[in-house]
Protein backbone atom coordinates (compact mmCIF):
# COMPACT_ATOMS: atom_id res chain seq x y z
CA MET A 1 -11.78 23.93 -13.73
CA THR A 2 -11.26 22.65 -10.19
CA ASN A 3 -7.82 21.24 -9.36
CA ILE A 4 -8.12 18.20 -7.09
CA ILE A 5 -5.15 17.90 -4.73
CA LEU A 6 -4.39 15.19 -2.17
CA PHE A 7 -2.28 16.39 0.78
CA ASP A 8 -0.21 14.41 3.25
CA SER A 9 -1.22 14.97 6.88
CA ASP A 10 0.64 13.88 9.99
CA VAL A 11 -0.85 10.41 9.41
CA ARG A 12 1.89 9.90 6.82
CA THR A 13 4.50 9.23 9.54
CA HIS A 14 2.28 6.59 11.14
CA LEU A 15 2.17 4.82 7.73
CA LEU A 16 5.92 4.45 7.35
CA PRO A 17 7.75 2.46 5.99
CA LEU A 18 5.18 2.28 3.16
CA THR A 19 5.25 6.08 2.70
CA PHE A 20 9.01 6.60 2.51
CA LEU A 21 8.87 6.68 -1.30
CA ARG A 22 5.26 7.74 -2.00
CA PRO A 23 2.54 10.08 -0.78
CA VAL A 24 -0.25 8.49 1.25
CA GLY A 25 -2.55 8.81 -1.79
CA GLU A 26 -0.35 6.37 -3.74
CA LEU A 27 -1.05 3.53 -1.29
CA ARG A 28 -3.07 0.68 -2.78
CA ILE A 29 -6.13 -0.58 -0.90
CA GLY A 30 -8.80 -2.61 -2.62
CA ILE A 31 -8.01 -2.79 -6.34
CA LEU A 32 -6.99 0.84 -6.86
CA THR A 33 -4.67 3.30 -5.16
CA ILE A 34 -6.32 6.05 -3.12
CA ARG A 35 -5.46 8.51 -5.91
CA GLU A 36 -7.02 6.29 -8.57
CA LYS A 37 -10.20 6.04 -6.50
CA TRP A 38 -10.53 9.82 -6.28
CA GLU A 39 -9.88 10.17 -10.03
CA HIS A 40 -12.65 7.67 -10.78
CA TRP A 41 -15.12 9.19 -8.35
CA MET A 42 -14.46 12.85 -9.21
CA GLY A 43 -13.74 12.42 -12.93
CA SER A 44 -10.54 14.48 -12.82
CA LYS A 45 -6.79 14.02 -12.51
CA VAL A 46 -5.28 14.38 -9.05
CA SER A 47 -1.99 16.01 -7.97
CA TYR A 48 -0.21 16.24 -4.61
CA ILE A 49 0.99 18.35 -1.74
CA THR A 50 3.61 16.04 -0.25
CA GLN A 51 7.09 15.90 1.24
CA ASP A 52 9.79 18.01 -0.38
CA HIS A 53 11.87 14.98 -1.39
CA LEU A 54 8.86 13.50 -3.24
CA ALA A 55 7.65 16.69 -4.92
CA GLU A 56 9.60 16.24 -8.16
CA SER A 57 8.07 12.80 -8.75
CA TYR A 58 4.62 13.71 -7.42
CA HIS A 59 3.94 17.20 -8.66
CA LEU A 60 1.35 19.82 -7.71
CA ASP A 61 -1.13 21.39 -10.16
CA PHE A 62 -3.13 24.33 -8.79
CA GLY A 63 -4.92 27.46 -9.91
CA GLU A 64 -7.65 29.76 -8.67
CA GLU A 65 -10.06 26.91 -7.81
CA ASN A 66 -8.61 24.08 -5.74
CA LEU A 67 -10.19 21.22 -3.85
CA VAL A 68 -7.68 19.87 -1.32
CA ILE A 69 -8.42 16.46 0.20
CA ASN A 70 -6.71 14.56 2.98
CA GLY A 71 -4.78 11.75 1.21
CA SER A 72 -5.67 9.22 3.91
CA VAL A 73 -9.43 9.49 3.14
CA LEU A 74 -11.23 7.01 0.89
CA PRO A 75 -14.00 8.48 -1.30
CA SER A 76 -17.66 7.60 -0.79
CA GLU A 77 -20.73 8.62 -2.76
CA LYS A 78 -22.07 10.97 -0.07
CA LEU A 79 -18.67 12.53 0.63
CA CYS A 80 -18.03 13.19 -3.07
CA ARG A 81 -21.46 14.78 -3.41
CA LEU A 82 -20.64 17.17 -0.56
CA LEU A 83 -17.23 18.05 -1.98
CA ARG A 84 -18.65 18.88 -5.40
CA ASN A 85 -20.95 21.46 -3.78
CA MET A 86 -18.37 23.24 -1.65
CA GLU A 87 -17.94 27.01 -1.73
CA PHE A 88 -14.62 28.88 -1.48
CA GLY A 89 -13.39 28.83 2.12
CA ASP A 90 -15.49 25.83 3.15
CA ALA A 91 -13.46 23.32 5.21
CA TYR A 92 -14.70 19.95 6.43
CA LEU A 93 -13.10 18.76 9.68
CA GLN A 94 -13.21 15.54 11.65
CA ASP A 95 -11.82 15.52 15.19
CA ASP A 96 -10.01 18.79 14.41
CA GLU A 97 -8.26 17.21 11.41
CA LEU A 98 -8.77 18.76 8.00
CA ILE A 99 -10.56 16.38 5.63
CA ALA A 100 -11.19 18.71 2.68
CA ALA A 101 -11.26 22.41 1.81
CA LYS A 102 -11.99 24.52 -1.23
CA LEU A 103 -9.30 27.20 -1.62
CA ASP A 104 -8.36 29.92 -4.04
CA GLY A 105 -4.76 30.30 -5.23
CA GLU A 106 -3.69 32.59 -2.40
CA GLN A 107 -5.18 30.35 0.25
CA LEU A 108 -3.50 27.32 -1.26
CA GLN A 109 -0.11 29.04 -1.15
CA LYS A 110 -0.63 29.68 2.55
CA LEU A 111 -1.52 26.01 3.08
CA ILE A 112 1.67 24.93 1.31
CA GLN A 113 3.74 27.29 3.47
CA ASP A 114 1.94 26.09 6.62
CA GLU A 115 0.53 29.58 7.31
CA ASP A 116 -2.85 30.41 8.83
CA ILE A 117 -5.61 30.67 6.23
CA ASP A 118 -8.12 33.47 6.68
CA ASP A 119 -11.85 33.23 5.99
CA LEU A 120 -12.23 29.46 6.39
CA HIS A 121 -15.68 28.20 7.28
CA PRO A 122 -15.41 25.00 9.34
CA LEU A 123 -18.12 22.46 8.55
CA SER A 124 -19.08 19.22 10.27
CA LEU A 125 -19.07 15.79 8.64
CA ASP A 126 -21.55 14.29 11.11
CA GLY A 127 -23.67 11.69 9.39
CA VAL A 128 -21.38 11.38 6.37
CA ASP A 129 -20.06 7.85 5.93
CA PHE A 130 -16.49 7.42 4.68
CA HIS A 131 -13.35 5.55 5.65
CA LYS A 132 -9.96 6.89 6.63
CA ILE A 133 -6.55 5.29 7.06
CA ASN A 134 -4.96 6.24 10.40
CA GLN A 135 -2.54 3.42 11.11
CA LEU A 136 -1.00 0.57 9.12
CA PRO A 137 -3.43 -2.21 10.15
CA ASP A 138 -6.28 -0.07 8.81
CA LEU A 139 -5.10 -0.96 5.31
CA TYR A 140 -5.74 -4.68 5.61
CA LEU A 141 -8.70 -4.20 7.98
CA LEU A 142 -10.49 -2.01 5.40
CA ASN A 143 -9.33 -3.95 2.37
CA SER A 144 -12.47 -6.06 2.13
CA ILE A 145 -14.70 -2.96 2.00
CA ALA A 146 -12.38 -1.25 -0.50
CA LEU A 147 -12.31 -4.36 -2.72
CA GLU A 148 -16.09 -4.51 -2.85
CA SER A 149 -16.32 -0.78 -3.71
CA ASP A 150 -13.59 -0.88 -6.37
CA PHE A 151 -15.01 -4.06 -7.92
CA HIS A 152 -18.38 -2.33 -8.42
CA LEU A 153 -16.66 0.83 -9.65
CA LEU A 154 -14.58 -0.98 -12.28
CA THR A 155 -17.04 -3.63 -13.48
CA SER A 156 -20.46 -1.99 -13.32
CA GLY A 157 -22.12 -2.15 -16.74
CA ARG A 158 -19.27 -4.23 -18.18
CA LYS A 159 -19.13 -7.89 -19.20
CA SER A 160 -16.47 -10.28 -17.92
CA GLN A 161 -14.49 -12.56 -20.18
CA PRO A 162 -16.12 -15.98 -19.64
CA LEU A 163 -14.23 -18.54 -17.58
CA SER A 164 -13.05 -21.50 -19.62
CA GLY A 165 -14.35 -25.01 -18.95
CA THR A 166 -11.05 -26.03 -17.35
CA ASN A 167 -11.94 -24.03 -14.25
CA ARG A 168 -14.31 -24.67 -11.36
CA ALA A 169 -16.26 -21.60 -10.18
CA ILE A 170 -18.63 -20.92 -7.30
CA ALA A 171 -20.73 -17.71 -7.59
CA PRO A 172 -19.32 -16.98 -11.09
CA GLU A 173 -21.46 -13.83 -11.34
CA ARG A 174 -19.05 -12.21 -8.85
CA ILE A 175 -15.93 -13.15 -10.79
CA PHE A 176 -14.62 -10.65 -13.37
CA LEU A 177 -11.83 -11.34 -15.84
CA GLU A 178 -10.49 -8.58 -18.03
CA ALA A 179 -10.44 -9.51 -21.72
CA ASP A 180 -6.75 -10.49 -21.82
CA ALA A 181 -6.58 -12.25 -18.45
CA ARG A 182 -5.62 -15.96 -18.43
CA VAL A 183 -7.17 -18.46 -15.98
CA GLU A 184 -6.96 -22.22 -16.58
CA GLY A 185 -7.44 -25.22 -14.32
CA ALA A 186 -8.18 -23.09 -11.22
CA PHE A 187 -10.78 -23.18 -8.44
CA LEU A 188 -12.45 -19.81 -7.77
CA ASN A 189 -15.02 -19.25 -5.02
CA ALA A 190 -16.63 -15.80 -4.93
CA GLN A 191 -19.36 -16.54 -2.37
CA ALA A 192 -17.63 -14.57 0.37
CA GLY A 193 -16.59 -11.70 -1.90
CA PRO A 194 -15.78 -10.79 -5.51
CA ILE A 195 -12.73 -11.91 -7.45
CA TYR A 196 -11.14 -9.51 -9.94
CA ILE A 197 -8.50 -10.65 -12.46
CA GLY A 198 -6.84 -7.71 -14.21
CA HIS A 199 -5.35 -7.09 -17.63
CA GLN A 200 -2.74 -9.65 -18.72
CA ALA A 201 -2.88 -11.28 -15.28
CA GLU A 202 -2.61 -15.05 -15.04
CA VAL A 203 -3.92 -17.69 -12.62
CA MET A 204 -2.05 -20.93 -13.13
CA GLU A 205 -3.52 -24.41 -12.88
CA GLY A 206 -4.28 -25.84 -9.46
CA ALA A 207 -4.56 -22.44 -7.80
CA CYS A 208 -7.40 -21.95 -5.30
CA ILE A 209 -8.76 -18.42 -4.85
CA ARG A 210 -11.44 -17.57 -2.30
CA GLY A 211 -12.80 -14.01 -2.55
CA ASN A 212 -12.62 -11.29 -2.04
CA VAL A 213 -9.38 -11.10 -4.00
CA ALA A 214 -7.93 -8.74 -6.60
CA LEU A 215 -5.15 -9.78 -8.97
CA CYS A 216 -4.04 -6.55 -10.67
CA HIS A 217 -2.61 -6.19 -14.15
CA ASN A 218 0.33 -8.34 -15.27
CA SER A 219 0.45 -10.32 -11.98
CA VAL A 220 0.63 -14.09 -11.66
CA VAL A 221 -0.80 -16.57 -9.17
CA LYS A 222 1.47 -19.62 -9.25
CA MET A 223 0.45 -23.26 -9.50
CA GLY A 224 -1.22 -24.67 -6.39
CA ALA A 225 -1.35 -21.31 -4.58
CA GLN A 226 -3.99 -20.77 -1.90
CA ILE A 227 -5.24 -17.16 -1.84
CA TYR A 228 -7.90 -16.10 0.69
CA GLY A 229 -9.66 -12.78 1.07
CA ALA A 230 -9.31 -10.05 1.67
CA THR A 231 -6.14 -9.95 -0.43
CA THR A 232 -4.85 -7.57 -3.10
CA VAL A 233 -2.00 -8.65 -5.37
CA GLY A 234 -0.87 -5.38 -6.96
CA PRO A 235 0.45 -5.04 -10.54
CA TRP A 236 3.44 -7.07 -11.76
CA CYS A 237 3.56 -9.39 -8.73
CA LYS A 238 4.01 -13.14 -8.32
CA ALA A 239 1.94 -14.85 -5.63
CA GLY A 240 2.40 -18.41 -4.43
CA GLY A 241 2.02 -20.48 -1.27
CA GLU A 242 -0.71 -19.52 1.20
CA ILE A 243 -1.75 -15.86 1.46
CA GLU A 244 -4.60 -14.11 3.25
CA HIS A 245 -5.57 -10.57 4.35
CA THR A 246 -2.55 -9.09 2.64
CA ILE A 247 -1.88 -6.18 0.28
CA PHE A 248 1.02 -6.19 -2.19
CA GLN A 249 1.52 -2.64 -3.46
CA GLY A 250 3.08 -3.91 -6.70
CA TYR A 251 6.19 -5.30 -8.42
CA SER A 252 6.82 -7.75 -5.52
CA ASN A 253 7.17 -11.50 -5.34
CA LYS A 254 6.14 -14.23 -2.96
CA ALA A 255 6.29 -16.92 -5.54
CA HIS A 256 6.87 -20.04 -3.44
CA ALA A 257 5.62 -22.08 -0.49
CA GLY A 258 5.18 -20.41 2.89
CA TYR A 259 2.43 -18.56 4.73
CA LEU A 260 1.77 -14.80 4.63
CA GLY A 261 -1.19 -13.23 6.44
CA HIS A 262 -2.44 -9.84 7.69
CA SER A 263 0.54 -8.19 6.09
CA LEU A 264 1.47 -5.18 3.95
CA ILE A 265 4.18 -5.56 1.31
CA GLY A 266 5.67 -2.55 -0.50
CA GLU A 267 7.01 -2.40 -4.05
CA TRP A 268 10.05 -4.27 -5.36
CA CYS A 269 10.12 -6.73 -2.46
CA ASN A 270 10.96 -10.43 -2.55
CA ILE A 271 10.05 -13.16 -0.06
CA GLY A 272 12.19 -16.25 -0.47
CA ALA A 273 11.05 -19.85 -0.86
CA GLY A 274 9.81 -21.51 2.32
CA THR A 275 9.74 -18.31 4.34
CA THR A 276 6.73 -18.12 6.68
CA ILE A 277 5.27 -15.13 8.49
CA SER A 278 3.39 -15.48 11.76
CA ASN A 279 0.31 -13.28 12.10
CA LEU A 280 -0.73 -14.47 15.59
CA ARG A 281 1.05 -14.49 18.93
CA ASN A 282 1.35 -17.81 20.73
CA ASP A 283 -0.58 -16.34 23.68
CA TYR A 284 -3.27 -14.88 21.38
CA GLY A 285 -2.56 -11.44 22.82
CA PRO A 286 -2.73 -8.13 20.92
CA VAL A 287 0.24 -7.46 18.63
CA ARG A 288 2.56 -4.50 19.08
CA LEU A 289 4.16 -2.86 16.02
CA TRP A 290 6.96 -0.38 15.52
CA ASN A 291 5.57 3.15 14.99
CA TYR A 292 7.87 5.65 13.32
CA ALA A 293 5.84 8.58 14.67
CA THR A 294 6.30 7.61 18.34
CA GLN A 295 9.63 5.79 17.87
CA SER A 296 8.36 2.90 19.91
CA PHE A 297 6.46 -0.38 19.71
CA ASP A 298 2.81 0.59 20.02
CA ALA A 299 -0.28 -1.50 20.62
CA THR A 300 -2.24 -2.12 17.44
CA GLY A 301 -5.29 -3.40 19.25
CA GLN A 302 -5.25 -6.32 16.77
CA THR A 303 -4.92 -10.01 17.45
CA PHE A 304 -3.77 -10.58 13.87
CA CYS A 305 -0.81 -8.65 12.45
CA GLY A 306 1.96 -10.11 10.36
CA LEU A 307 4.70 -8.36 8.36
CA ILE A 308 5.04 -4.73 7.28
CA MET A 309 7.66 -4.55 4.52
CA GLY A 310 9.04 -1.36 3.06
CA ASP A 311 9.96 -0.94 -0.60
CA HIS A 312 13.06 -2.69 -2.04
CA SER A 313 13.35 -5.08 0.92
CA ARG A 314 14.03 -8.83 0.69
CA LEU A 315 13.63 -11.92 2.85
CA GLY A 316 15.85 -14.95 2.17
CA ILE A 317 14.73 -18.56 1.98
CA ASN A 318 13.32 -20.55 4.89
CA MET A 319 13.08 -17.60 7.23
CA MET A 320 10.71 -17.38 10.22
CA ILE A 321 9.17 -13.96 10.77
CA ASN A 322 7.39 -13.16 14.05
CA SER A 323 3.99 -11.42 14.16
CA GLY A 324 4.24 -7.65 14.22
CA THR A 325 7.55 -7.42 12.36
CA SER A 326 8.39 -4.14 10.53
CA VAL A 327 11.12 -4.04 7.88
CA GLY A 328 12.11 -0.61 6.61
CA LEU A 329 13.21 0.60 3.20
CA ALA A 330 15.94 -1.44 1.50
CA GLY A 331 16.21 -4.09 4.20
CA ASN A 332 17.99 -7.32 3.27
CA LEU A 333 17.36 -10.28 5.63
CA TYR A 334 18.78 -13.78 5.41
CA GLY A 335 19.39 -16.88 7.51
CA ALA A 336 17.07 -19.49 9.06
CA HIS A 337 16.25 -17.58 12.23
CA PHE A 338 13.71 -15.20 13.81
CA PRO A 339 14.98 -11.65 13.12
CA ARG A 340 14.14 -8.71 15.38
CA ASN A 341 10.66 -7.20 15.16
CA PHE A 342 12.02 -3.92 13.81
CA ILE A 343 14.62 -3.91 11.05
CA PRO A 344 15.74 -0.34 10.22
CA SER A 345 16.03 0.90 6.67
CA PHE A 346 19.21 0.10 4.74
CA THR A 347 20.04 -2.85 7.00
CA LEU A 348 21.69 -6.16 6.15
CA ALA A 349 20.30 -8.52 8.80
CA GLY A 350 21.91 -11.94 9.23
CA PRO A 351 21.66 -14.56 11.98
CA ALA A 352 24.39 -12.99 14.12
CA SER A 353 24.35 -9.28 13.47
CA LEU A 354 22.85 -6.19 11.88
CA GLN A 355 24.99 -4.25 9.45
CA THR A 356 24.49 -1.17 7.32
CA PHE A 357 23.44 -1.82 3.72
CA PRO A 358 24.63 1.48 2.20
CA PRO A 359 23.22 3.01 -1.00
CA GLU A 360 26.34 2.14 -3.01
CA LYS A 361 25.45 -1.55 -2.44
CA ALA A 362 21.67 -1.32 -2.07
CA ILE A 363 20.95 0.74 -5.22
CA PRO A 364 22.79 -1.65 -7.64
CA SER A 365 20.74 -4.54 -6.21
CA MET A 366 17.57 -2.50 -6.80
CA ASP A 367 18.69 -1.85 -10.39
CA ARG A 368 19.14 -5.58 -11.01
CA MET A 369 15.64 -6.43 -9.77
CA MET A 370 13.97 -3.56 -11.63
CA GLU A 371 15.73 -4.46 -14.93
CA ARG A 372 13.84 -7.75 -14.81
CA ARG A 373 10.65 -5.69 -15.29
CA ASN A 374 12.23 -3.31 -17.82
CA CYS A 375 12.16 -0.53 -15.21
CA GLN A 376 14.85 1.67 -13.74
CA LEU A 377 15.29 4.21 -10.97
CA SER A 378 15.09 7.81 -12.08
CA ILE A 379 17.71 10.32 -10.97
CA PRO A 380 15.24 11.99 -8.50
CA GLU A 381 14.48 8.54 -7.04
CA ARG A 382 18.20 7.80 -6.60
CA LEU A 383 18.71 11.14 -4.85
CA THR A 384 15.70 10.43 -2.65
CA LEU A 385 17.14 7.06 -1.62
CA ILE A 386 20.46 8.69 -0.65
CA ARG A 387 18.61 11.33 1.35
CA LEU A 388 16.52 8.70 3.12
CA PHE A 389 19.63 6.72 3.97
CA GLU A 390 20.88 9.78 5.84
CA ASP A 391 17.48 10.55 7.39
CA THR A 392 17.11 7.00 8.75
CA ALA A 393 20.62 6.83 10.25
CA PRO A 394 19.30 7.31 13.86
CA HIS A 395 17.43 4.00 13.49
CA ARG A 396 20.77 2.20 12.98
CA PRO A 397 22.42 2.64 16.41
CA TRP A 398 25.47 0.57 15.52
CA GLU A 399 26.69 3.31 13.15
CA LYS A 400 29.08 5.89 14.53
CA PRO A 401 27.87 9.50 14.24
CA SER A 402 29.36 11.37 11.29
CA GLY A 403 32.71 12.92 12.11
CA LYS A 404 33.27 10.88 15.25
């Protein structure tokens, strides 16, 4: 039996803050996470080679036959066909970056320990079509393609629950409702792309959805919401107001009026009523975005870029967020003002100042939100949060160095 393993490459740092608490393969794009895509395509469970502080939550299964795949790569039919036919020691590279390799147990141990692996046979991927995530905007830029692919993967050969007569539908053949989804009094237009409504998800009356859009399991689109493609509302989310070209990883809420576009929202986030996010500069110039890898604001090359929001972060009511704003892990912002374009992790950001939001205050607030979904932080997750608070201290320059 071949063990399929997703590994984190250096791209992981470019994808912070979304990868503080998860491997790259746990990022959602389209309907599924990258891991779930590989499991569907390859017909086998996937494990991880990831950061030490994530290893207890995202374990590694390996043996004498291991297929290791770059976690930032999205599967395609041709790529999967190639990978199934690999021999031991074969390694596919793209621009000197490892995409996939088939390794025995000894070779895998060397990979884990960052040692040179003998007897690798480098192979070219020229002519093989697949997509890869290299920077944060790639997630929403590729979301339309990923949605189309996942929609076909999940619905091919299956029959949708019929829409009730209270709804108005355009191109209903491209709308799929799982058997226990609830949609009443809504307007759904799938001409531009498919619409997927997951298990126990609900679209309330008056909502307008224009594909391609995915509403994952147990999520809700509120009354009168306007959702444009390409947008993914991950599991257990609430979506309201006007939303386009955005991915919610899951368990997050934007339940009220306000605009959100070309944005990436982590898990356990909340966007307050009336808060609006700009996704376009007033001069129509390219947007710059904080990059954790370079520790600077780097050009994205994109005209449209809104908010990047790390897990367990919150925005208060009636806030105004500039284009290209990055909020780290456990950020807490409030006040009717434009905050800075980079809010470090564990920061309490008000109109007049930035203050540290330490774990002893941040974690109880996380507990309260998670209890509303009958969830709780595990002990390894709590220890990871404390570690990340220490690791991200250099991003909070107002703090005095320890021992000073």
